[in-house]
């Protein structure tokens, strides 16, 4: 099982599906996952349900992350990237699953030392980490 620390920004439908799959397949340990939601009243119940750290603070969630999964809606992606851009550090991998948002849109908003990756349906998840 990987010791990679992952931040999932947006623990909605897609974010929670990915998180559950990674844990079920033993790709990640729940203790190495921090996730965010928009509504504070959901943090305690989701944290208890999944055994992961859940917060409303995107900046706090990425602080110790090696990989950041952007699982937010396309219309909020720009705001989320702008919110976290000054807290990102070299070596972190940023992966977006936002539909219809070009990788170039995200890369233009990230510090140059960061890597970014947009999933392709023909690639296996985590192939960028190999």
Protein backbone atom coordinates (compact mmCIF):
# COMPACT_ATOMS: atom_id res chain seq x y z
CA UNK A 1 0.00 0.00 0.00
CA UNK A 2 1.28 3.43 -0.93
CA UNK A 3 2.41 5.95 1.67
CA UNK A 4 1.48 8.72 -0.77
CA UNK A 5 -0.50 11.48 0.93
CA UNK A 6 -3.47 12.64 -1.14
CA UNK A 7 -5.76 15.66 -0.90
CA UNK A 8 -9.12 15.30 -2.60
CA UNK A 9 -10.57 18.75 -3.15
CA UNK A 10 -14.25 18.07 -3.61
CA UNK A 11 -15.52 14.95 -1.86
CA UNK A 12 -18.72 14.91 -3.90
CA UNK A 13 -19.84 12.09 -6.14
CA UNK A 14 -16.67 11.70 -8.20
CA UNK A 15 -14.28 12.51 -5.36
CA UNK A 16 -15.89 9.99 -3.03
CA UNK A 17 -16.01 7.31 -5.75
CA UNK A 18 -12.27 7.74 -6.37
CA UNK A 19 -11.44 7.79 -2.66
CA UNK A 20 -13.44 4.64 -1.98
CA UNK A 21 -11.90 2.84 -4.95
CA UNK A 22 -8.35 3.77 -3.90
CA UNK A 23 -9.01 2.50 -0.37
CA UNK A 24 -10.84 -0.66 -1.48
CA UNK A 25 -8.04 -1.55 -3.90
CA UNK A 26 -5.47 -0.71 -1.17
CA UNK A 27 -3.85 1.94 -3.35
CA UNK A 28 -4.12 4.38 -0.44
CA UNK A 29 -4.58 4.17 3.30
CA UNK A 30 -7.47 6.22 4.71
CA UNK A 31 -5.05 7.88 7.13
CA UNK A 32 -3.15 9.34 4.17
CA UNK A 33 -6.18 11.06 2.68
CA UNK A 34 -7.46 14.56 3.40
CA UNK A 35 -10.60 15.73 1.60
CA UNK A 36 -12.67 18.86 1.40
CA UNK A 37 -16.36 19.65 1.18
CA UNK A 38 -18.22 22.96 0.87
CA UNK A 39 -20.51 22.50 3.85
CA UNK A 40 -19.09 22.31 7.38
CA UNK A 41 -22.01 20.22 8.61
CA UNK A 42 -20.83 17.33 6.39
CA UNK A 43 -17.25 17.12 7.67
CA UNK A 44 -17.82 15.06 10.83
CA UNK A 45 -20.19 12.55 9.24
CA UNK A 46 -17.97 11.96 6.19
CA UNK A 47 -14.84 11.71 8.31
CA UNK A 48 -16.52 9.13 10.52
CA UNK A 49 -18.00 7.22 7.58
CA UNK A 50 -14.74 6.93 5.61
CA UNK A 51 -12.04 7.23 8.30
CA UNK A 52 -10.35 10.12 6.51
CA UNK A 53 -9.68 13.74 7.40
CA UNK A 54 -12.46 15.97 6.04
CA UNK A 55 -12.41 19.75 6.19
CA UNK A 56 -13.78 22.80 4.41
CA UNK A 57 -10.27 24.29 4.16
CA UNK A 58 -8.65 23.50 0.80
CA UNK A 59 -5.37 25.11 1.85
CA UNK A 60 -5.12 22.96 4.98
CA UNK A 61 -6.00 19.82 3.02
CA UNK A 62 -3.12 20.24 0.55
CA UNK A 63 -0.51 21.19 3.14
CA UNK A 64 0.99 17.69 3.53
CA UNK A 65 -0.24 16.19 0.28
CA UNK A 66 1.99 14.63 -2.36
CA UNK A 67 -0.91 14.43 -4.81
CA UNK A 68 -3.83 16.83 -5.12
CA UNK A 69 -6.97 15.64 -6.86
CA UNK A 70 -9.15 18.48 -8.12
CA UNK A 71 -12.61 16.92 -8.06
CA UNK A 72 -14.62 20.13 -8.10
CA UNK A 73 -17.13 21.28 -10.69
CA UNK A 74 -15.60 22.95 -13.74
CA UNK A 75 -17.22 26.30 -12.92
CA UNK A 76 -15.44 26.44 -9.53
CA UNK A 77 -12.08 25.02 -10.61
CA UNK A 78 -10.50 28.43 -11.27
CA UNK A 79 -11.48 29.73 -7.83
CA UNK A 80 -10.11 26.61 -6.10
CA UNK A 81 -6.80 26.76 -7.98
CA UNK A 82 -6.49 30.47 -7.16
CA UNK A 83 -7.21 29.70 -3.49
CA UNK A 84 -4.45 27.07 -3.19
CA UNK A 85 -1.82 28.39 -5.62
CA UNK A 86 0.33 30.08 -2.96
CA UNK A 87 0.31 26.97 -0.75
CA UNK A 88 1.47 24.59 -3.45
CA UNK A 89 5.07 23.42 -3.30
CA UNK A 90 7.51 21.90 -5.80
CA UNK A 91 7.07 18.19 -6.29
CA UNK A 92 3.35 18.07 -5.67
CA UNK A 93 1.31 16.47 -8.43
CA UNK A 94 -1.97 18.16 -9.32
CA UNK A 95 -4.57 15.99 -11.06
CA UNK A 96 -7.83 17.43 -12.35
CA UNK A 97 -10.88 15.40 -13.21
CA UNK A 98 -12.92 18.48 -14.12
CA UNK A 99 -14.69 17.78 -17.37
CA UNK A 100 -14.14 20.19 -20.25
CA UNK A 101 -11.31 22.10 -18.55
CA UNK A 102 -8.09 21.99 -20.59
CA UNK A 103 -4.87 21.09 -18.80
CA UNK A 104 -3.38 24.36 -20.07
CA UNK A 105 -6.01 26.32 -18.09
CA UNK A 106 -4.77 24.73 -14.87
CA UNK A 107 -1.06 24.83 -15.75
CA UNK A 108 -1.23 28.59 -16.41
CA UNK A 109 -2.42 29.06 -12.84
CA UNK A 110 0.13 26.80 -11.13
CA UNK A 111 3.71 27.56 -10.10
CA UNK A 112 6.12 26.23 -12.76
CA UNK A 113 7.76 23.67 -10.44
CA UNK A 114 4.52 21.69 -10.14
CA UNK A 115 3.42 18.82 -12.33
CA UNK A 116 -0.12 18.55 -13.55
CA UNK A 117 -2.04 15.76 -15.16
CA UNK A 118 -5.46 15.46 -16.71
CA UNK A 119 -6.84 11.94 -16.82
CA UNK A 120 -7.59 10.31 -20.13
CA UNK A 121 -10.19 7.52 -20.39
CA UNK A 122 -7.61 5.17 -21.89
CA UNK A 123 -5.14 5.59 -19.02
CA UNK A 124 -5.23 3.69 -15.76
CA UNK A 125 -5.63 5.86 -12.65
CA UNK A 126 -2.28 6.72 -11.08
CA UNK A 127 -0.34 5.93 -14.27
CA UNK A 128 1.32 9.33 -13.88
CA UNK A 129 2.89 8.14 -10.64
CA UNK A 130 4.63 5.15 -12.20
